[in-house]
Amino acid sequence: MPSPFGLAMFQQYGDAAASGLLATYWFLIIVLVAISIIASWKIFAKAGEPGWASLIPIYNTYAMIKIVGRPEGLPPSRRRPPVRVSQAAAARQ
């Protein structure tokens, strides 16, 4: 009986095919991450921010807010969760 999903290739060639697919997968992931880093670096540089700022997670968000022109802090309505803990507790009862 043939193997489902084309897995006969792995049975015939063993670990070599799986290793090749895994290496290809990781290569594509690395290429996509590199493209993303380069693109964000160029966006920040074009907006007048240092390119390295795109690599720092929290500072990245702060700099992006400055680039877009929003106020430099979240408004109070955005700081609290959308459902208060007391409301969630009341809903459970």
N, C-alpha and C. Protein backbone atom coordinates (compact mmCIF):
# COMPACT_ATOMS: atom_id res chain seq x y z
N MET A 1 0.84 -1.17 0.00
CA MET A 1 0.00 0.00 0.00
C MET A 1 0.89 1.24 0.00
N PRO A 2 0.62 2.19 -0.90
CA PRO A 2 1.46 3.39 -0.94
C PRO A 2 1.26 4.25 0.30
N SER A 3 2.30 4.92 0.65
CA SER A 3 2.28 5.77 1.84
C SER A 3 1.48 7.03 1.57
N PRO A 4 0.67 7.49 2.52
CA PRO A 4 -0.11 8.71 2.30
C PRO A 4 0.77 9.95 2.34
N PHE A 5 0.30 10.98 1.68
CA PHE A 5 0.95 12.29 1.69
C PHE A 5 2.35 12.28 1.08
N GLY A 6 2.63 11.35 0.21
CA GLY A 6 3.93 11.31 -0.46
C GLY A 6 5.09 11.00 0.45
N LEU A 7 4.85 10.28 1.53
CA LEU A 7 5.91 9.97 2.48
C LEU A 7 6.80 8.82 2.01
N ALA A 8 6.48 8.24 0.87
CA ALA A 8 7.30 7.16 0.35
C ALA A 8 8.72 7.65 0.07
N MET A 9 8.85 8.93 -0.29
CA MET A 9 10.17 9.48 -0.55
C MET A 9 11.06 9.36 0.69
N PHE A 10 10.48 9.65 1.86
CA PHE A 10 11.27 9.57 3.08
C PHE A 10 11.64 8.13 3.41
N GLN A 11 10.74 7.22 3.12
CA GLN A 11 11.03 5.81 3.39
C GLN A 11 12.10 5.29 2.45
N GLN A 12 12.09 5.78 1.21
CA GLN A 12 13.05 5.30 0.22
C GLN A 12 14.43 5.90 0.46
N TYR A 13 14.50 7.18 0.72
CA TYR A 13 15.79 7.84 0.83
C TYR A 13 16.24 8.05 2.27
N GLY A 14 15.37 7.83 3.21
CA GLY A 14 15.75 7.91 4.61
C GLY A 14 15.95 9.32 5.11
N ASP A 15 16.97 9.46 5.92
CA ASP A 15 17.21 10.74 6.59
C ASP A 15 17.73 11.82 5.66
N ALA A 16 18.28 11.45 4.53
CA ALA A 16 18.85 12.45 3.63
C ALA A 16 17.78 13.40 3.10
N ALA A 17 16.63 12.87 2.72
CA ALA A 17 15.57 13.72 2.20
C ALA A 17 15.03 14.63 3.30
N ALA A 18 14.83 14.09 4.48
CA ALA A 18 14.33 14.91 5.59
C ALA A 18 15.33 16.00 5.95
N SER A 19 16.60 15.66 5.95
CA SER A 19 17.64 16.65 6.26
C SER A 19 17.67 17.75 5.20
N GLY A 20 17.52 17.38 3.96
CA GLY A 20 17.51 18.36 2.89
C GLY A 20 16.33 19.31 2.99
N LEU A 21 15.15 18.75 3.29
CA LEU A 21 13.98 19.61 3.45
C LEU A 21 14.12 20.52 4.65
N LEU A 22 14.66 20.00 5.72
CA LEU A 22 14.85 20.83 6.92
C LEU A 22 15.86 21.95 6.67
N ALA A 23 16.93 21.63 5.98
CA ALA A 23 17.93 22.65 5.65
C ALA A 23 17.33 23.73 4.75
N THR A 24 16.52 23.32 3.78
CA THR A 24 15.86 24.28 2.89
C THR A 24 14.91 25.17 3.67
N TYR A 25 14.16 24.57 4.58
CA TYR A 25 13.23 25.32 5.41
C TYR A 25 13.97 26.39 6.22
N TRP A 26 15.02 26.01 6.90
CA TRP A 26 15.77 26.97 7.72
C TRP A 26 16.43 28.05 6.87
N PHE A 27 16.90 27.68 5.68
CA PHE A 27 17.49 28.66 4.79
C PHE A 27 16.45 29.71 4.41
N LEU A 28 15.23 29.27 4.07
CA LEU A 28 14.18 30.22 3.72
C LEU A 28 13.79 31.10 4.90
N ILE A 29 13.75 30.53 6.09
CA ILE A 29 13.44 31.32 7.29
C ILE A 29 14.49 32.40 7.50
N ILE A 30 15.76 32.03 7.37
CA ILE A 30 16.85 33.00 7.57
C ILE A 30 16.78 34.11 6.52
N VAL A 31 16.48 33.76 5.28
CA VAL A 31 16.38 34.75 4.22
C VAL A 31 15.22 35.71 4.51
N LEU A 32 14.08 35.19 4.93
CA LEU A 32 12.93 36.05 5.23
C LEU A 32 13.20 36.97 6.42
N VAL A 33 13.87 36.46 7.43
CA VAL A 33 14.21 37.30 8.58
C VAL A 33 15.19 38.40 8.16
N ALA A 34 16.15 38.05 7.32
CA ALA A 34 17.12 39.05 6.85
C ALA A 34 16.43 40.14 6.04
N ILE A 35 15.50 39.75 5.18
CA ILE A 35 14.76 40.74 4.38
C ILE A 35 13.95 41.65 5.30
N SER A 36 13.33 41.08 6.31
CA SER A 36 12.53 41.87 7.26
C SER A 36 13.41 42.87 8.02
N ILE A 37 14.57 42.43 8.47
CA ILE A 37 15.48 43.32 9.20
C ILE A 37 15.97 44.45 8.30
N ILE A 38 16.34 44.12 7.07
CA ILE A 38 16.83 45.14 6.15
C ILE A 38 15.74 46.15 5.82
N ALA A 39 14.51 45.66 5.60
CA ALA A 39 13.39 46.55 5.27
C ALA A 39 13.08 47.49 6.43
N SER A 40 13.01 46.95 7.64
CA SER A 40 12.70 47.83 8.77
C SER A 40 13.84 48.81 9.03
N TRP A 41 15.07 48.38 8.85
CA TRP A 41 16.22 49.27 9.01
C TRP A 41 16.10 50.44 8.04
N LYS A 42 15.76 50.17 6.78
CA LYS A 42 15.65 51.23 5.78
C LYS A 42 14.47 52.15 6.05
N ILE A 43 13.36 51.59 6.56
CA ILE A 43 12.21 52.43 6.91
C ILE A 43 12.58 53.40 8.01
N PHE A 44 13.26 52.90 9.04
CA PHE A 44 13.66 53.78 10.14
C PHE A 44 14.65 54.83 9.66
N ALA A 45 15.61 54.43 8.83
CA ALA A 45 16.61 55.38 8.34
C ALA A 45 15.95 56.47 7.48
N LYS A 46 15.00 56.08 6.66
CA LYS A 46 14.32 57.05 5.80
C LYS A 46 13.47 58.02 6.62
N ALA A 47 12.98 57.57 7.76
CA ALA A 47 12.16 58.42 8.62
C ALA A 47 13.00 59.30 9.55
N GLY A 48 14.32 59.17 9.48
CA GLY A 48 15.18 60.01 10.30
C GLY A 48 15.54 59.41 11.64
N GLU A 49 15.16 58.19 11.89
CA GLU A 49 15.54 57.48 13.12
C GLU A 49 16.76 56.62 12.83
N PRO A 50 17.54 56.29 13.85
CA PRO A 50 18.68 55.40 13.60
C PRO A 50 18.19 54.01 13.21
N GLY A 51 18.89 53.38 12.27
CA GLY A 51 18.48 52.07 11.79
C GLY A 51 18.51 51.00 12.85
N TRP A 52 19.47 51.10 13.79
CA TRP A 52 19.58 50.09 14.83
C TRP A 52 18.36 50.09 15.73
N ALA A 53 17.59 51.17 15.74
CA ALA A 53 16.40 51.24 16.58
C ALA A 53 15.35 50.21 16.17
N SER A 54 15.41 49.76 14.94
CA SER A 54 14.44 48.76 14.48
C SER A 54 14.72 47.38 15.07
N LEU A 55 15.88 47.20 15.68
CA LEU A 55 16.25 45.89 16.23
C LEU A 55 15.95 45.76 17.71
N ILE A 56 15.69 46.87 18.41
CA ILE A 56 15.44 46.84 19.85
C ILE A 56 13.93 46.79 20.08
N PRO A 57 13.40 45.73 20.67
CA PRO A 57 11.95 45.53 20.72
C PRO A 57 11.14 46.68 21.32
N ILE A 58 11.40 47.13 22.53
CA ILE A 58 10.58 48.16 23.15
C ILE A 58 10.85 49.52 22.51
N TYR A 59 12.11 49.82 22.29
CA TYR A 59 12.46 51.09 21.66
C TYR A 59 11.93 51.15 20.22
N ASN A 60 11.85 50.01 19.56
CA ASN A 60 11.30 49.92 18.22
C ASN A 60 9.87 50.46 18.21
N THR A 61 9.06 50.05 19.15
CA THR A 61 7.67 50.51 19.21
C THR A 61 7.61 52.00 19.52
N TYR A 62 8.42 52.46 20.46
CA TYR A 62 8.47 53.89 20.81
C TYR A 62 8.86 54.74 19.59
N ALA A 63 9.89 54.29 18.86
CA ALA A 63 10.34 55.04 17.69
C ALA A 63 9.30 55.00 16.58
N MET A 64 8.62 53.88 16.42
CA MET A 64 7.58 53.79 15.40
C MET A 64 6.42 54.73 15.72
N ILE A 65 6.08 54.86 17.00
CA ILE A 65 5.03 55.80 17.40
C ILE A 65 5.45 57.23 17.08
N LYS A 66 6.74 57.54 17.29
CA LYS A 66 7.24 58.87 16.94
C LYS A 66 7.19 59.09 15.43
N ILE A 67 7.55 58.07 14.65
CA ILE A 67 7.56 58.19 13.19
C ILE A 67 6.14 58.45 12.68
N VAL A 68 5.18 57.75 13.22
CA VAL A 68 3.79 57.88 12.76
C VAL A 68 3.19 59.21 13.19
N GLY A 69 3.71 59.78 14.28
CA GLY A 69 3.23 61.07 14.73
C GLY A 69 2.19 60.98 15.83
N ARG A 70 2.10 59.86 16.47
CA ARG A 70 1.17 59.70 17.58
C ARG A 70 1.80 60.27 18.84
N PRO A 71 0.98 60.56 19.86
CA PRO A 71 1.55 61.01 21.13
C PRO A 71 2.48 59.94 21.70
N GLU A 72 3.47 60.37 22.45
CA GLU A 72 4.51 59.45 22.91
C GLU A 72 4.10 58.60 24.09
N GLY A 73 2.91 58.37 24.30
CA GLY A 73 2.46 57.49 25.36
C GLY A 73 1.10 56.97 24.97
N LEU A 74 0.75 55.90 25.56
CA LEU A 74 -0.57 55.39 25.27
C LEU A 74 -1.59 56.15 26.10
N PRO A 75 -2.73 56.46 25.54
CA PRO A 75 -3.76 57.12 26.33
C PRO A 75 -4.23 56.19 27.45
N PRO A 76 -4.78 56.76 28.52
CA PRO A 76 -5.19 55.92 29.65
C PRO A 76 -6.15 54.80 29.26
N SER A 77 -6.97 55.04 28.26
CA SER A 77 -7.92 54.00 27.86
C SER A 77 -7.21 52.79 27.26
N ARG A 78 -6.02 52.95 26.75
CA ARG A 78 -5.28 51.84 26.17
C ARG A 78 -4.39 51.13 27.18
N ARG A 79 -4.19 51.73 28.34
CA ARG A 79 -3.32 51.11 29.34
C ARG A 79 -4.00 50.01 30.13
N ARG A 80 -5.30 50.08 30.26
CA ARG A 80 -5.99 49.07 31.04
C ARG A 80 -6.56 48.00 30.10
N PRO A 81 -6.77 46.83 30.61
CA PRO A 81 -7.33 45.79 29.75
C PRO A 81 -8.78 46.12 29.38
N PRO A 82 -9.26 45.60 28.28
CA PRO A 82 -10.61 45.94 27.86
C PRO A 82 -11.70 45.44 28.81
N VAL A 83 -11.44 44.36 29.53
CA VAL A 83 -12.40 43.85 30.51
C VAL A 83 -11.72 43.90 31.86
N ARG A 84 -12.35 44.58 32.80
CA ARG A 84 -11.76 44.67 34.13
C ARG A 84 -11.88 43.34 34.85
N VAL A 85 -10.99 43.13 35.80
CA VAL A 85 -11.00 41.89 36.56
C VAL A 85 -12.31 41.74 37.32
N SER A 86 -12.84 42.84 37.84
CA SER A 86 -14.10 42.75 38.58
C SER A 86 -15.24 42.36 37.65
N GLN A 87 -15.23 42.85 36.43
CA GLN A 87 -16.27 42.47 35.49
C GLN A 87 -16.17 40.99 35.13
N ALA A 88 -14.96 40.51 34.96
CA ALA A 88 -14.76 39.11 34.62
C ALA A 88 -15.20 38.21 35.79
N ALA A 89 -14.91 38.63 37.03
CA ALA A 89 -15.31 37.86 38.19
C ALA A 89 -16.82 37.85 38.32
N ALA A 90 -17.46 38.97 38.05
CA ALA A 90 -18.92 39.05 38.14
C ALA A 90 -19.59 38.18 37.07
N ALA A 91 -18.97 38.09 35.93
CA ALA A 91 -19.54 37.29 34.85
C ALA A 91 -19.47 35.80 35.16
N ARG A 92 -18.51 35.37 35.96
CA ARG A 92 -18.37 33.95 36.30
C ARG A 92 -19.42 33.49 37.29
N GLN A 93 -19.96 34.41 38.06
CA GLN A 93 -20.91 34.00 39.11
C GLN A 93 -22.27 33.71 38.55
